Every structure is written in C-alpha cells, then in structure tokens.
C-alpha cells in the first residue's frame, strides 16, 4: 500500500469543510446525524480522503451511540490505532492506514466475534453499494 501524503492546502482543496475538520483536524460529527448511521444497503465504505477500503456493511451494527459502528475493519491493515488523550479522556483513535485520516474511535464493548466497536464518522467515509465501484 502506497502512503498518501498531502499538504494542508491540498487536503483543504479536496475535502469539504466538515470533512477537513473531522479527517485532518480530528473533529467529530454530531451523533445521530451522519449519512451512514442507519445504512443497511450491502456495500463497502472507503476513506473519503484516499479511497482505501475500510469497512463493510456486513460488519455494521446499531450500537446506539450515534455513529456508524462496525465490529471489524475490512482488513486489519486498513486502519491503525493511536492513543487519544483529548477532551480529558483516554480513548483509542482509529486512523486510515493509507493517509492517516482521523476516522473515529474503537472501544472494547462491541458484539462477537471481535468484541470491538469501531465508531466511525460518516463524513470520513464514502459508500459504494455492492456491485458498484467507489
């Protein structure tokens, strides 16, 4: 996998203001407002910044937390984790392995088979229904 690296200005030109705030400045969208929160259409979610495949609908579940949630990434190498001490909390941040976009956080309270809950911002992803290209 080739790493994607761009200047801040290049990212600003490519992304909407909200996408830039979330993906490059580690922001978050408001809970229960994201485009993919209740999506049940089979397909694949990719990084909005670099098109890397991240998650599949088959691993999505309703965690009741307000963000699209998945119990595993499409491939363990698709995401990387980092400690996050922002907002007075200790959490595990989830980043796109290809371009380091902030995607959301992962928590150890998800369903089987992994027991993980990847809470991901809709704005950090784009969706392609099964059988279509991103």
Protein backbone atom coordinates (compact mmCIF):
# COMPACT_ATOMS: atom_id res chain seq x y z
CA UNK A 1 0.00 0.00 0.00
CA UNK A 2 1.37 3.38 -1.00
CA UNK A 3 1.14 6.03 1.71
CA UNK A 4 -0.77 9.18 0.70
CA UNK A 5 0.65 12.45 1.96
CA UNK A 6 -0.55 15.92 1.01
CA UNK A 7 -0.13 19.45 2.25
CA UNK A 8 -2.80 21.01 4.42
CA UNK A 9 -3.80 23.23 1.50
CA UNK A 10 -4.15 20.23 -0.83
CA UNK A 11 -6.42 18.49 1.69
CA UNK A 12 -8.49 21.70 2.08
CA UNK A 13 -8.97 21.86 -1.70
CA UNK A 14 -10.04 18.20 -1.89
CA UNK A 15 -12.34 18.00 1.15
CA UNK A 16 -15.44 19.85 2.30
CA UNK A 17 -15.04 22.00 5.41
CA UNK A 18 -16.67 19.30 7.55
CA UNK A 19 -14.56 16.52 6.05
CA UNK A 20 -11.40 18.54 6.65
CA UNK A 21 -12.41 19.31 10.25
CA UNK A 22 -13.02 15.63 11.03
CA UNK A 23 -10.38 13.87 8.94
CA UNK A 24 -7.44 16.24 9.18
CA UNK A 25 -8.13 18.13 12.44
CA UNK A 26 -9.54 15.15 14.42
CA UNK A 27 -13.01 16.58 14.84
CA UNK A 28 -16.29 14.69 15.05
CA UNK A 29 -19.73 14.97 13.53
CA UNK A 30 -22.74 15.32 15.81
CA UNK A 31 -24.18 11.96 16.92
CA UNK A 32 -27.22 10.61 15.04
CA UNK A 33 -26.65 12.99 12.10
CA UNK A 34 -24.24 11.08 9.86
CA UNK A 35 -25.30 9.90 6.42
CA UNK A 36 -24.41 6.25 7.11
CA UNK A 37 -25.67 5.92 10.68
CA UNK A 38 -28.63 3.71 9.68
CA UNK A 39 -27.37 2.36 6.36
CA UNK A 40 -28.32 -1.27 5.72
CA UNK A 41 -27.53 -1.44 2.00
CA UNK A 42 -24.82 -4.07 1.38
CA UNK A 43 -21.58 -2.49 0.28
CA UNK A 44 -18.18 -1.10 1.18
CA UNK A 45 -17.10 2.06 2.99
CA UNK A 46 -13.86 3.71 1.84
CA UNK A 47 -11.80 6.60 3.15
CA UNK A 48 -13.09 9.92 1.85
CA UNK A 49 -9.50 11.19 1.63
CA UNK A 50 -7.72 8.39 -0.24
CA UNK A 51 -10.33 5.79 -1.31
CA UNK A 52 -8.79 2.99 0.79
CA UNK A 53 -11.42 0.33 1.63
CA UNK A 54 -12.19 0.45 5.36
CA UNK A 55 -15.40 -1.33 6.43
CA UNK A 56 -18.24 -3.42 5.01
CA UNK A 57 -21.95 -3.19 5.79
CA UNK A 58 -21.92 -6.85 6.88
CA UNK A 59 -19.89 -5.84 9.97
CA UNK A 60 -22.06 -2.79 10.76
CA UNK A 61 -24.37 -2.87 13.78
CA UNK A 62 -26.57 -0.47 15.72
CA UNK A 63 -24.57 0.40 18.82
CA UNK A 64 -26.98 3.18 19.81
CA UNK A 65 -24.02 5.58 20.13
CA UNK A 66 -24.97 7.90 17.28
CA UNK A 67 -22.26 6.96 14.78
CA UNK A 68 -21.94 4.14 12.27
CA UNK A 69 -20.42 1.23 14.18
CA UNK A 70 -18.58 -1.86 12.93
CA UNK A 71 -17.11 -4.85 14.74
CA UNK A 72 -14.08 -5.11 12.44
CA UNK A 73 -12.37 -3.33 9.54
CA UNK A 74 -12.36 -4.83 6.05
CA UNK A 75 -8.71 -5.80 6.67
CA UNK A 76 -6.75 -5.41 9.92
CA UNK A 77 -4.11 -3.45 7.97
CA UNK A 78 -6.70 -0.93 6.69
CA UNK A 79 -6.67 1.05 9.93
CA UNK A 80 -4.14 2.00 12.58
CA UNK A 81 -4.79 2.87 16.19
CA UNK A 82 -3.33 5.62 18.34
CA UNK A 83 -3.79 6.69 21.94
CA UNK A 84 -6.02 9.74 22.27
CA UNK A 85 -6.00 11.80 25.48
CA UNK A 86 -8.12 14.68 24.15
CA UNK A 87 -11.16 16.03 25.99
CA UNK A 88 -9.92 14.69 29.32
CA UNK A 89 -10.45 11.06 28.25
CA UNK A 90 -8.23 8.14 27.29
CA UNK A 91 -9.54 6.60 24.08
CA UNK A 92 -8.18 4.68 21.11
CA UNK A 93 -8.27 6.71 17.92
CA UNK A 94 -8.81 4.97 14.56
CA UNK A 95 -6.91 6.32 11.55
CA UNK A 96 -6.81 5.33 7.90
CA UNK A 97 -3.58 3.38 7.45
CA UNK A 98 -3.05 4.82 3.97
CA UNK A 99 -3.43 8.57 4.61
CA UNK A 100 -3.68 8.99 8.42
CA UNK A 101 -7.19 10.47 8.22
CA UNK A 102 -8.96 10.54 11.58
CA UNK A 103 -11.93 8.19 11.27
CA UNK A 104 -13.23 7.86 14.82
CA UNK A 105 -12.51 5.66 17.84
CA UNK A 106 -12.62 1.98 18.79
CA UNK A 107 -13.98 0.65 22.08
CA UNK A 108 -13.86 -2.82 23.69
CA UNK A 109 -17.65 -3.14 24.12
CA UNK A 110 -18.78 -4.42 20.73
CA UNK A 111 -20.52 -7.65 19.72
CA UNK A 112 -18.99 -11.02 18.84
CA UNK A 113 -16.93 -12.15 17.11
CA UNK A 114 -14.43 -9.37 17.96
CA UNK A 115 -15.96 -7.62 20.97
CA UNK A 116 -14.92 -4.32 19.36
CA UNK A 117 -16.98 -1.25 18.44
CA UNK A 118 -15.44 0.95 15.77
CA UNK A 119 -17.39 4.23 15.98
CA UNK A 120 -16.66 5.98 12.70
CA UNK A 121 -17.71 9.39 11.42
CA UNK A 122 -19.87 9.14 8.29
CA UNK A 123 -18.20 12.23 6.87
CA UNK A 124 -14.85 10.39 6.91
CA UNK A 125 -16.14 7.74 4.52
CA UNK A 126 -17.83 7.27 1.20
CA UNK A 127 -20.08 4.31 0.43
CA UNK A 128 -20.31 2.08 -2.63
CA UNK A 129 -23.22 -0.36 -2.77
CA UNK A 130 -22.23 -3.96 -3.51
CA UNK A 131 -21.56 -4.47 -7.21
CA UNK A 132 -20.55 -0.86 -7.87
CA UNK A 133 -17.19 0.89 -7.88
CA UNK A 134 -16.26 3.63 -5.40
